[in-house]
Amino acid sequence: MKPSENKLDQILEEKLAVWLRAFSILELPVKTEMLLKVDEDHLSLWRRKRILRLFWTEGKTGILKVTQEKGVTAMQVEQRCQFCEALRKSGIRTVRQAKTIQGFCLEDEGCCITLEEDVGSPFSQISVDLAKKAGRLMAEMHNTAEALQLHLPEMTIFDVMGHNEVTALPCFEMWVQEGRLDSWKEIVQKIRRQRIRREADLDLLWDSLPHFGCQGDLSLGNLGCTADGDLIIFDYNIAGEAVLVSDMITEGLLICRQYNAQDHASAEACFESFVRAYCALRPLSENERHAADILCSLTSAFWFTWIAYREDSLEKALERKDAAAVQKHLERIFTDLTSSSISSLLNCSAA
C-alpha cells in the first residue's frame, strides 16, 4: 500500500469520532464495512475515496463518504448535497443527508466528508419493469429541478456537446486518421458526413433546450428500493448541470445497455420502456423530440462498448483483421446515424 493510501486510512481511523460528533452523532459505530476504496494517481486527475457503512446498536446504519479529489472542492460537494436535499424535500424519493452546523459537507484534513442515510443494497440487473420505474423517477427529478429552477455550476460527465463518457467517437476518429479504416473509405466517408450533419442540426437546437441540475449517475448501483416497492436514488457525487433531454437519452441508454440485460433485444426493450415512462410524465417539446432523435442516433452510433473494449467491438474486429465484422460494425454505425428511433417509438406508443 502506498504511503498516501495509508495516510487517508489513518486519518479516517483517527478522526471518525470527531467527524461523527460534527454530524451530532456521539456514539461510535459497533462495526464498519468498507463499500468502496479508491486510490487513483494520474498527472491530470487523482482521487482517493472511502465509502463505509457504519453500524450502530439497534440496527441503525449510515453511509460515510470521505473523498480527496483533484478539482473537487468542499463547496462543490456542498452544492450537490443541497441539490439532493432540495429534491428530497419536494417529494423525490432520495436519501436524507446528515447536517453539520455549517452545512452538509464537512471539510477536514484535506477531506470532504458527508454522512447520509443507508437505503440498503442496490440493484444488479436491469428489467423492463425496473427500466420503467427508473424512467418515471428521472422524469420526476427533471420536473422538480425545472419547477424549482435548480442549477449546478459544473456539467455532468455525459454532455453530448462536450465531455461525454459514453461515446468512443475519439477512438473512431483516431483510427480513421491512422489509416486503420482505409479499406472501408466509402462507408467511413458516409459516416463522417452524416455525423457532421447531425451534430450541426443538434447545435442549432442546443441553446433552446431546457437545462437544469441532474443527479448525473442514474445507474443500478445508485438505486435502491423502499419498503413499498418504489425506487429510491442516492449518490450525487457527480451531480451537475445537463440538458434534460440529453440526460434522459444518455443515462437511459447506459442503465439499459450496461447492466446485465439478457441480450441486445432485451436491452433495447428496457430502453423503450424507460423512454415511454419518462415521456409519460415529462412530455418532450417539439425541439426536445427532434433533439432526442439526434442524441439517440449520435450516442448509439458511437456507443463506447460497441466501438471499443468488448470482445465483439469494432476495436477487436480490427485487431483480428476480421473484414466482415468490421463491415458489419460500420453499417450499424451508419444505420444508427440515419435513424429517428425516439420519434418512431413515441409515435408507436401514442398509437
Protein backbone atom coordinates (compact mmCIF):
# COMPACT_ATOMS: atom_id res chain seq x y z
CA MET A 1 0.00 0.00 0.00
CA LYS A 2 1.30 3.46 -0.89
CA PRO A 3 2.05 5.92 1.91
CA SER A 4 -0.66 8.29 0.63
CA GLU A 5 -3.22 5.49 0.87
CA ASN A 6 -2.03 4.66 4.39
CA LYS A 7 -2.39 8.30 5.34
CA LEU A 8 -6.06 8.56 4.37
CA ASP A 9 -6.90 5.33 6.19
CA GLN A 10 -5.01 6.60 9.23
CA ILE A 11 -6.87 9.92 9.14
CA LEU A 12 -10.17 8.06 8.88
CA GLU A 13 -9.37 5.92 11.89
CA GLU A 14 -8.16 8.82 14.00
CA LYS A 15 -10.88 11.32 13.09
CA LEU A 16 -14.01 9.17 12.81
CA ALA A 17 -15.31 10.07 16.28
CA VAL A 18 -14.64 13.79 15.66
CA TRP A 19 -16.41 13.72 12.32
CA LEU A 20 -19.44 11.91 13.69
CA ARG A 21 -19.75 14.45 16.51
CA ALA A 22 -19.85 17.18 13.87
CA PHE A 23 -22.93 15.41 12.48
CA SER A 24 -24.40 15.31 16.03
CA ILE A 25 -23.69 11.59 16.49
CA LEU A 26 -21.98 10.89 19.82
CA GLU A 27 -21.94 7.11 19.74
CA LEU A 28 -19.20 5.31 17.83
CA PRO A 29 -20.37 2.57 15.44
CA VAL A 30 -20.04 -1.00 16.66
CA LYS A 31 -18.90 -2.11 13.20
CA THR A 32 -17.81 -0.62 9.87
CA GLU A 33 -17.96 -2.14 6.38
CA MET A 34 -15.82 -0.78 3.53
CA LEU A 35 -18.11 -0.47 0.49
CA LEU A 36 -15.67 1.28 -1.83
CA LYS A 37 -11.97 2.10 -1.68
CA VAL A 38 -10.41 4.13 -4.49
CA ASP A 39 -6.81 5.29 -4.80
CA GLU A 40 -6.01 6.70 -8.24
CA ASP A 41 -2.87 8.58 -9.18
CA HIS A 42 -2.66 10.38 -12.52
CA LEU A 43 -0.92 13.59 -13.50
CA SER A 44 -4.17 15.15 -14.69
CA LEU A 45 -6.57 13.55 -12.21
CA TRP A 46 -6.11 11.92 -8.85
CA ARG A 47 -8.61 10.92 -6.22
CA ARG A 48 -8.94 8.99 -3.00
CA LYS A 49 -12.29 7.78 -1.76
CA ARG A 50 -13.58 5.71 1.12
CA ILE A 51 -17.25 4.79 1.39
CA LEU A 52 -18.21 2.94 4.54
CA ARG A 53 -21.38 1.53 6.00
CA LEU A 54 -21.49 2.29 9.71
CA PHE A 55 -23.42 0.03 12.10
CA TRP A 56 -24.74 1.16 15.45
CA THR A 57 -26.74 -0.70 18.06
CA GLU A 58 -30.45 -1.37 17.48
CA GLY A 59 -29.89 -1.84 13.73
CA LYS A 60 -29.17 1.79 12.87
CA THR A 61 -26.83 2.26 9.87
CA GLY A 62 -25.42 5.12 7.83
CA ILE A 63 -23.15 5.73 4.84
CA LEU A 64 -19.99 7.77 5.40
CA LYS A 65 -18.14 9.16 2.37
CA VAL A 66 -14.60 10.51 2.67
CA THR A 67 -13.05 11.91 -0.51
CA GLN A 68 -9.99 13.76 -1.72
CA GLU A 69 -10.19 14.58 -5.42
CA LYS A 70 -8.29 16.96 -7.65
CA GLY A 71 -10.56 19.72 -8.90
CA VAL A 72 -13.41 18.94 -6.48
CA THR A 73 -13.90 21.40 -3.63
CA ALA A 74 -15.94 21.21 -0.45
CA MET A 75 -18.19 23.89 -1.94
CA GLN A 76 -18.97 21.67 -4.93
CA VAL A 77 -19.78 18.73 -2.64
CA GLU A 78 -21.97 21.03 -0.53
CA GLN A 79 -23.86 22.22 -3.61
CA ARG A 80 -24.52 18.64 -4.70
CA CYS A 81 -25.81 17.75 -1.24
CA GLN A 82 -28.05 20.83 -1.24
CA PHE A 83 -29.40 19.77 -4.63
CA CYS A 84 -30.19 16.30 -3.26
CA GLU A 85 -31.92 17.80 -0.21
CA ALA A 86 -33.99 20.17 -2.36
CA LEU A 87 -35.24 17.20 -4.40
CA ARG A 88 -36.00 15.19 -1.25
CA LYS A 89 -37.97 18.00 0.37
CA SER A 90 -40.02 18.29 -2.83
CA GLY A 91 -41.07 14.65 -2.68
CA ILE A 92 -38.40 12.86 -4.73
CA ARG A 93 -37.53 9.50 -3.19
CA THR A 94 -33.89 10.12 -2.38
CA VAL A 95 -31.56 9.90 0.60
CA ARG A 96 -31.54 12.19 3.62
CA GLN A 97 -28.22 13.97 4.11
CA ALA A 98 -26.92 14.48 7.66
CA LYS A 99 -26.05 18.06 8.51
CA THR A 100 -23.35 19.85 10.49
CA ILE A 101 -23.60 23.36 11.89
CA GLN A 102 -22.07 24.72 8.66
CA GLY A 103 -23.83 22.50 6.13
CA PHE A 104 -23.90 19.03 4.64
CA CYS A 105 -20.20 18.73 3.75
CA LEU A 106 -17.59 18.67 6.49
CA GLU A 107 -14.08 19.70 5.42
CA ASP A 108 -11.17 18.43 7.50
CA GLU A 109 -7.61 17.17 6.92
CA GLY A 110 -7.96 17.93 3.19
CA CYS A 111 -11.02 15.63 3.01
CA CYS A 112 -14.65 16.19 2.10
CA ILE A 113 -16.84 14.18 4.49
CA THR A 114 -20.56 13.51 4.14
CA LEU A 115 -22.95 11.23 6.00
CA GLU A 116 -26.26 10.02 4.60
CA GLU A 117 -28.95 7.50 5.36
CA ASP A 118 -28.43 3.92 4.29
CA VAL A 119 -31.06 2.61 1.87
CA GLY A 120 -29.66 -0.90 1.55
CA SER A 121 -28.22 -2.85 -1.34
CA PRO A 122 -28.58 -1.55 -4.91
CA PHE A 123 -29.95 -3.47 -7.88
CA SER A 124 -27.66 -5.57 -10.06
CA GLN A 125 -29.72 -6.41 -13.18
CA ILE A 126 -31.99 -4.35 -15.40
CA SER A 127 -35.50 -5.43 -16.40
CA VAL A 128 -38.32 -3.86 -18.40
CA ASP A 129 -40.26 -3.09 -15.20
CA LEU A 130 -37.22 -1.64 -13.44
CA ALA A 131 -36.39 0.49 -16.50
CA LYS A 132 -39.95 1.83 -16.46
CA LYS A 133 -39.62 2.82 -12.80
CA ALA A 134 -36.23 4.43 -13.48
CA GLY A 135 -37.69 6.44 -16.37
CA ARG A 136 -40.50 7.71 -14.16
CA LEU A 137 -38.07 8.62 -11.39
CA MET A 138 -35.82 10.57 -13.77
CA ALA A 139 -38.82 12.45 -15.17
CA GLU A 140 -39.93 13.34 -11.63
CA MET A 141 -36.43 14.61 -10.82
CA HIS A 142 -36.24 16.65 -14.02
CA ASN A 143 -39.71 18.12 -13.49
CA THR A 144 -38.78 19.08 -9.92
CA ALA A 145 -35.45 20.65 -10.92
CA GLU A 146 -37.23 22.65 -13.61
CA ALA A 147 -40.08 23.74 -11.33
CA LEU A 148 -37.68 24.84 -8.59
CA GLN A 149 -35.14 26.28 -11.07
CA LEU A 150 -32.34 24.15 -9.58
CA HIS A 151 -28.95 24.62 -11.25
CA LEU A 152 -25.42 23.36 -10.61
CA PRO A 153 -22.21 25.10 -11.72
CA GLU A 154 -20.44 22.09 -13.32
CA MET A 155 -21.64 19.94 -16.21
CA THR A 156 -22.29 16.22 -15.86
CA ILE A 157 -19.91 13.67 -17.41
CA PHE A 158 -22.46 12.78 -20.10
CA ASP A 159 -22.55 16.00 -22.10
CA VAL A 160 -23.15 15.10 -25.74
CA MET A 161 -21.92 18.54 -26.85
CA GLY A 162 -18.91 18.39 -24.52
CA HIS A 163 -17.22 15.75 -22.36
CA ASN A 164 -19.20 12.54 -22.81
CA GLU A 165 -18.04 9.29 -21.21
CA VAL A 166 -20.41 7.02 -23.17
CA THR A 167 -19.00 7.85 -26.59
CA ALA A 168 -15.98 6.32 -28.29
CA LEU A 169 -16.06 8.79 -31.18
CA PRO A 170 -12.48 9.94 -30.39
CA CYS A 171 -11.31 6.33 -30.84
CA PHE A 172 -13.12 6.04 -34.16
CA GLU A 173 -11.65 9.30 -35.44
CA MET A 174 -8.17 8.26 -34.31
CA TRP A 175 -8.44 5.01 -36.28
CA VAL A 176 -9.54 6.96 -39.35
CA GLN A 177 -6.53 9.29 -39.02
CA GLU A 178 -4.20 6.32 -38.54
CA GLY A 179 -5.48 4.70 -41.72
CA ARG A 180 -6.84 1.62 -39.97
CA LEU A 181 -10.17 2.04 -41.77
CA ASP A 182 -8.74 2.81 -45.23
CA SER A 183 -10.19 -0.41 -46.68
CA TRP A 184 -13.68 0.94 -45.94
CA LYS A 185 -13.21 4.53 -47.13
CA GLU A 186 -16.57 4.83 -48.87
CA ILE A 187 -18.75 3.95 -45.87
CA VAL A 188 -16.42 5.77 -43.46
CA GLN A 189 -16.85 8.97 -45.51
CA LYS A 190 -20.64 8.49 -45.42
CA ILE A 191 -20.48 8.02 -41.64
CA ARG A 192 -18.40 11.14 -41.11
CA ARG A 193 -20.59 13.30 -43.36
CA GLN A 194 -23.77 12.10 -41.65
CA ARG A 195 -22.28 12.64 -38.20
CA ILE A 196 -21.33 16.22 -39.09
CA ARG A 197 -24.85 16.88 -40.41
CA ARG A 198 -26.47 15.50 -37.27
CA GLU A 199 -24.15 17.44 -34.97
CA ALA A 200 -24.88 20.64 -36.91
CA ASP A 201 -28.63 20.04 -36.57
CA LEU A 202 -28.22 19.45 -32.83
CA ASP A 203 -26.12 22.59 -32.45
CA LEU A 204 -28.97 24.67 -33.90
CA LEU A 205 -31.33 23.30 -31.24
CA TRP A 206 -28.98 23.12 -28.27
CA ASP A 207 -29.38 26.60 -26.75
CA SER A 208 -33.19 26.32 -26.83
CA LEU A 209 -33.30 23.11 -24.79
CA PRO A 210 -34.10 23.23 -21.05
CA HIS A 211 -31.12 22.53 -18.81
CA PHE A 212 -31.06 22.13 -15.02
CA GLY A 213 -29.29 20.30 -12.24
CA CYS A 214 -29.29 16.49 -12.57
CA GLN A 215 -28.19 13.63 -10.33
CA GLY A 216 -25.87 12.68 -13.17
CA ASP A 217 -25.42 8.96 -12.49
CA LEU A 218 -28.71 7.10 -12.74
CA SER A 219 -27.14 3.65 -12.54
CA LEU A 220 -28.40 0.48 -10.91
CA GLY A 221 -25.59 0.84 -8.39
CA ASN A 222 -27.24 4.05 -7.19
CA LEU A 223 -30.82 2.79 -6.99
CA GLY A 224 -32.45 1.05 -4.04
CA CYS A 225 -35.97 0.00 -3.19
CA THR A 226 -38.25 1.41 -0.49
CA ALA A 227 -40.45 -0.76 1.71
CA ASP A 228 -43.43 -0.01 -0.53
CA GLY A 229 -41.58 -1.04 -3.70
CA ASP A 230 -40.69 2.40 -5.05
CA LEU A 231 -37.23 3.27 -6.31
CA ILE A 232 -35.00 5.47 -4.19
CA ILE A 233 -31.93 7.13 -5.64
CA PHE A 234 -28.65 8.02 -3.95
CA ASP A 235 -25.07 9.12 -4.75
CA TYR A 236 -24.82 12.70 -6.00
CA ASN A 237 -21.02 12.59 -6.25
CA ILE A 238 -21.04 13.65 -9.92
CA ALA A 239 -24.28 15.63 -9.98
CA GLY A 240 -24.16 18.55 -12.39
CA GLU A 241 -25.94 20.67 -14.97
CA ALA A 242 -27.30 18.96 -18.07
CA VAL A 243 -29.69 19.48 -20.95
CA LEU A 244 -32.59 17.41 -19.66
CA VAL A 245 -33.37 15.50 -22.84
CA SER A 246 -29.67 14.70 -23.25
CA ASP A 247 -29.51 13.40 -19.68
CA MET A 248 -32.55 11.22 -20.40
CA ILE A 249 -31.09 9.69 -23.57
CA THR A 250 -27.52 9.08 -22.42
CA GLU A 251 -28.34 7.77 -18.96
CA GLY A 252 -31.31 5.79 -20.25
CA LEU A 253 -29.07 4.02 -22.74
CA LEU A 254 -26.42 3.49 -20.09
CA ILE A 255 -28.68 1.90 -17.50
CA CYS A 256 -30.39 -0.32 -20.07
CA ARG A 257 -27.32 -1.46 -22.02
CA GLN A 258 -24.69 -1.87 -19.35
CA TYR A 259 -26.48 -3.66 -16.52
CA ASN A 260 -26.81 -7.32 -17.40
CA ALA A 261 -29.76 -7.23 -19.76
CA GLN A 262 -30.28 -10.75 -21.07
CA ASP A 263 -29.31 -9.79 -24.62
CA HIS A 264 -29.31 -6.90 -27.11
CA ALA A 265 -33.05 -7.21 -27.75
CA SER A 266 -33.93 -7.11 -24.06
CA ALA A 267 -31.63 -4.11 -23.54
CA GLU A 268 -33.45 -2.22 -26.29
CA ALA A 269 -36.83 -3.27 -24.84
CA CYS A 270 -35.71 -1.85 -21.49
CA PHE A 271 -34.70 1.41 -23.17
CA GLU A 272 -38.09 1.68 -24.87
CA SER A 273 -39.77 1.14 -21.50
CA PHE A 274 -37.55 3.79 -19.93
CA VAL A 275 -38.25 6.42 -22.61
CA ARG A 276 -42.02 5.83 -22.67
CA ALA A 277 -42.23 6.07 -18.88
CA TYR A 278 -40.17 9.26 -18.86
CA CYS A 279 -42.19 10.93 -21.61
CA ALA A 280 -45.50 9.98 -19.97
CA LEU A 281 -44.54 12.19 -17.01
CA ARG A 282 -42.46 14.77 -18.86
CA PRO A 283 -43.67 15.08 -22.46
CA LEU A 284 -41.00 16.38 -24.81
CA SER A 285 -41.43 19.66 -26.62
CA GLU A 286 -41.10 19.64 -30.41
CA ASN A 287 -37.49 20.83 -30.17
CA GLU A 288 -36.68 18.27 -27.47
CA ARG A 289 -38.23 15.49 -29.53
CA HIS A 290 -36.15 16.43 -32.55
CA ALA A 291 -33.06 16.67 -30.34
CA ALA A 292 -33.84 13.29 -28.78
CA ASP A 293 -33.70 11.64 -32.21
CA ILE A 294 -30.32 13.19 -32.93
CA LEU A 295 -28.97 12.49 -29.45
CA CYS A 296 -30.02 8.86 -29.62
CA SER A 297 -28.55 8.35 -33.09
CA LEU A 298 -25.21 10.00 -32.25
CA THR A 299 -24.90 8.25 -28.89
CA SER A 300 -25.87 4.83 -30.21
CA ALA A 301 -23.67 5.09 -33.29
CA PHE A 302 -20.50 5.54 -31.26
CA TRP A 303 -21.58 3.70 -28.11
CA PHE A 304 -18.38 3.19 -26.16
CA THR A 305 -18.56 -0.58 -25.58
CA TRP A 306 -19.67 -1.27 -29.16
CA ILE A 307 -16.72 0.66 -30.58
CA ALA A 308 -14.09 -0.41 -28.05
CA TYR A 309 -13.43 -2.60 -25.00
CA ARG A 310 -15.75 -5.58 -25.60
CA GLU A 311 -14.64 -8.73 -27.39
CA ASP A 312 -17.26 -8.18 -30.10
CA SER A 313 -16.42 -4.48 -30.55
CA LEU A 314 -15.14 -2.72 -33.67
CA GLU A 315 -11.75 -2.36 -31.99
CA LYS A 316 -11.39 -6.13 -31.53
CA ALA A 317 -12.60 -6.81 -35.09
CA LEU A 318 -9.86 -4.51 -36.40
CA GLU A 319 -7.28 -6.27 -34.24
CA ARG A 320 -8.40 -9.65 -35.58
CA LYS A 321 -8.44 -8.28 -39.17
CA ASP A 322 -11.99 -9.61 -39.45
CA ALA A 323 -13.15 -7.64 -42.50
CA ALA A 324 -16.70 -8.96 -42.41
CA ALA A 325 -17.13 -7.98 -38.75
CA VAL A 326 -15.67 -4.52 -39.39
CA GLN A 327 -18.06 -4.02 -42.31
CA LYS A 328 -20.99 -5.04 -40.13
CA HIS A 329 -19.98 -2.57 -37.43
CA LEU A 330 -19.65 0.28 -39.94
CA GLU A 331 -23.04 -0.49 -41.45
CA ARG A 332 -24.57 -0.47 -37.97
CA ILE A 333 -22.98 2.91 -37.21
CA PHE A 334 -24.35 4.44 -40.41
CA THR A 335 -27.82 2.99 -39.78
CA ASP A 336 -27.86 4.47 -36.27
CA LEU A 337 -26.79 7.87 -37.60
CA THR A 338 -29.72 7.95 -40.04
CA SER A 339 -32.40 6.73 -37.62
CA SER A 340 -35.18 8.64 -35.85
CA SER A 341 -35.80 6.00 -33.22
CA ILE A 342 -37.29 8.18 -30.49
CA SER A 343 -39.95 9.73 -32.73
CA SER A 344 -40.83 6.29 -34.08
CA LEU A 345 -41.02 4.91 -30.55
CA LEU A 346 -43.23 7.70 -29.22
CA ASN A 347 -45.47 7.69 -32.30
CA CYS A 348 -45.91 3.95 -31.88
CA SER A 349 -46.65 4.45 -28.19
CA ALA A 350 -49.20 7.15 -28.91
CA ALA A 351 -50.89 4.96 -31.49
